[in-house]
Amino acid sequence: KVVQRPLGRLQTVTKGAESLICTDWIRHKFTRSRIPDKVFQPSPEDDEKYGGDPHNPHKLHIMLGLLKAHTPQVHKNIPSVNAKLKVVKHLIRIKPLKLPQGLPAEEDMSNTCLKSTGELVQWHLKPVEEETVKS
């Protein structure tokens, strides 16, 4: 046997239950950042540290010869150059130089090509041999 209760009683019970839930301990999704604003402000020490200009901060790409996109550029692996590359590392892709045929001599530098994969390849062109036509 199924007993049905009147709807009026159920509504009065739920009205009194909403004050029982405490939401003080819930951490809300959007809270204020705990990192102080001072961290994100530029300081004069940063300009001296990276050798930049506060009004034109991205002149390092000109100093490093990175004017065009997708053109490989070779730099020395020394701390002073690495410190400059750290400033613009979000703009560039750093790859090691690969020498599959070894380090070329000074006179062979005109026959070398730097590929986009970072390989320094030597091109050995053979002289054109003239074939004599017998008639």
Protein backbone atom coordinates (compact mmCIF):
# COMPACT_ATOMS: atom_id res chain seq x y z
CA LYS A 1 0.00 0.00 0.00
CA VAL A 2 1.48 3.41 -1.04
CA VAL A 3 0.88 6.38 1.21
CA GLN A 4 1.11 9.84 -0.34
CA ARG A 5 1.85 12.82 1.85
CA PRO A 6 0.52 16.27 1.16
CA LEU A 7 2.96 18.64 -0.64
CA GLY A 8 2.61 21.45 1.86
CA ARG A 9 4.44 19.58 4.61
CA LEU A 10 7.49 18.81 2.42
CA GLN A 11 7.96 22.45 1.47
CA THR A 12 8.05 23.62 5.07
CA VAL A 13 10.79 21.11 5.93
CA THR A 14 13.12 22.26 3.12
CA LYS A 15 12.73 25.93 4.03
CA GLY A 16 14.19 25.37 7.48
CA ALA A 17 17.11 23.22 6.21
CA GLU A 18 18.92 25.88 4.18
CA SER A 19 20.40 27.63 7.22
CA LEU A 20 22.09 24.43 8.42
CA ILE A 21 24.78 24.52 5.66
CA CYS A 22 27.92 26.48 6.61
CA THR A 23 29.97 27.83 3.68
CA ASP A 24 32.66 29.70 5.64
CA TRP A 25 35.29 26.98 5.18
CA ILE A 26 34.88 26.63 1.39
CA ARG A 27 37.76 28.15 -0.59
CA HIS A 28 36.28 29.99 -3.50
CA LYS A 29 37.74 29.59 -6.99
CA PHE A 30 38.56 33.26 -7.59
CA THR A 31 40.70 34.52 -4.75
CA ARG A 32 43.22 37.28 -4.57
CA SER A 33 46.76 36.36 -5.55
CA ARG A 34 49.17 35.78 -2.68
CA ILE A 35 52.13 37.04 -4.74
CA PRO A 36 52.85 40.69 -3.93
CA ASP A 37 52.44 43.24 -6.73
CA LYS A 38 56.01 44.42 -6.17
CA VAL A 39 57.32 41.25 -7.84
CA PHE A 40 55.72 42.11 -11.17
CA GLN A 41 56.91 45.73 -11.29
CA PRO A 42 60.04 46.45 -13.39
CA SER A 43 63.06 47.66 -11.47
CA PRO A 44 66.16 49.61 -12.60
CA GLU A 45 68.35 46.69 -11.53
CA ASP A 46 66.76 44.55 -14.24
CA ASP A 47 67.83 47.03 -16.92
CA GLU A 48 71.43 47.00 -15.70
CA LYS A 49 71.41 43.23 -15.30
CA TYR A 50 70.24 42.45 -18.84
CA GLY A 51 71.80 45.46 -20.57
CA GLY A 52 68.47 46.67 -21.88
CA ASP A 53 66.63 49.94 -22.18
CA PRO A 54 63.37 50.31 -20.19
CA HIS A 55 61.73 52.21 -23.07
CA ASN A 56 62.87 49.74 -25.76
CA PRO A 57 63.30 46.44 -23.92
CA HIS A 58 63.63 44.18 -26.96
CA LYS A 59 66.75 45.59 -28.63
CA LEU A 60 68.67 42.45 -27.72
CA HIS A 61 67.40 40.71 -30.85
CA ILE A 62 69.18 43.38 -32.92
CA MET A 63 72.41 42.91 -30.94
CA LEU A 64 72.23 39.14 -31.44
CA GLY A 65 71.48 39.41 -35.16
CA LEU A 66 67.99 37.91 -34.88
CA LEU A 67 66.28 40.28 -37.29
CA LYS A 68 64.43 37.83 -39.56
CA ALA A 69 62.32 34.85 -38.61
CA HIS A 70 63.33 31.32 -39.67
CA THR A 71 66.94 32.28 -40.44
CA PRO A 72 69.49 30.32 -38.40
CA GLN A 73 72.13 32.28 -36.51
CA VAL A 74 75.27 30.87 -34.85
CA HIS A 75 76.45 32.19 -31.47
CA LYS A 76 79.24 31.23 -29.10
CA ASN A 77 78.32 29.08 -26.12
CA ILE A 78 79.74 31.46 -23.50
CA PRO A 79 78.06 32.86 -20.35
CA SER A 80 77.78 36.45 -21.62
CA VAL A 81 75.93 35.40 -24.79
CA ASN A 82 73.81 32.88 -22.86
CA ALA A 83 72.68 35.62 -20.45
CA LYS A 84 71.47 37.71 -23.40
CA LEU A 85 69.71 34.73 -24.97
CA LYS A 86 67.83 34.07 -21.71
CA VAL A 87 66.04 37.41 -22.08
CA VAL A 88 64.67 36.60 -25.54
CA LYS A 89 64.37 32.82 -25.15
CA HIS A 90 60.57 32.98 -25.41
CA LEU A 91 60.97 34.45 -28.92
CA ILE A 92 63.59 32.06 -30.33
CA ARG A 93 64.36 28.36 -30.64
CA ILE A 94 67.83 27.31 -29.49
CA LYS A 95 69.34 24.24 -31.14
CA PRO A 96 72.87 22.82 -30.88
CA LEU A 97 75.13 22.98 -33.93
CA LYS A 98 75.65 19.55 -35.50
CA LEU A 99 78.77 18.82 -37.54
CA PRO A 100 78.15 15.48 -39.32
CA GLN A 101 81.26 15.90 -41.54
CA GLY A 102 83.44 17.46 -38.86
CA LEU A 103 84.60 21.03 -38.43
CA PRO A 104 85.36 22.51 -41.87
CA ALA A 105 88.66 24.18 -42.62
CA GLU A 106 88.86 27.90 -43.31
CA GLU A 107 89.12 27.41 -47.08
CA ASP A 108 86.07 25.08 -47.07
CA MET A 109 83.78 27.61 -45.37
CA SER A 110 82.56 28.92 -48.74
CA ASN A 111 81.25 25.43 -49.57
CA THR A 112 79.20 25.04 -46.36
CA CYS A 113 75.49 25.47 -45.73
CA LEU A 114 73.66 25.77 -42.40
CA LYS A 115 70.36 23.87 -42.53
CA SER A 116 67.29 24.66 -40.44
CA THR A 117 67.86 21.42 -38.49
CA GLY A 118 71.13 22.82 -37.13
CA GLU A 119 73.47 20.80 -39.37
CA LEU A 120 76.50 22.46 -40.96
CA VAL A 121 76.89 20.57 -44.24
CA GLN A 122 79.79 20.83 -46.69
CA TRP A 123 78.91 20.74 -50.38
CA HIS A 124 81.61 19.23 -52.57
CA LEU A 125 80.82 20.25 -56.13
CA LYS A 126 82.44 18.20 -58.83
CA PRO A 127 83.79 20.05 -61.87
CA VAL A 128 81.74 19.65 -65.01
CA GLU A 129 83.32 17.16 -67.40
CA GLU A 130 82.84 17.94 -71.04
CA GLU A 131 81.90 14.96 -73.12
CA THR A 132 83.21 14.91 -76.64
CA VAL A 133 80.58 14.12 -79.19
CA LYS A 134 81.85 11.82 -81.95
CA SER A 135 80.16 12.30 -85.26
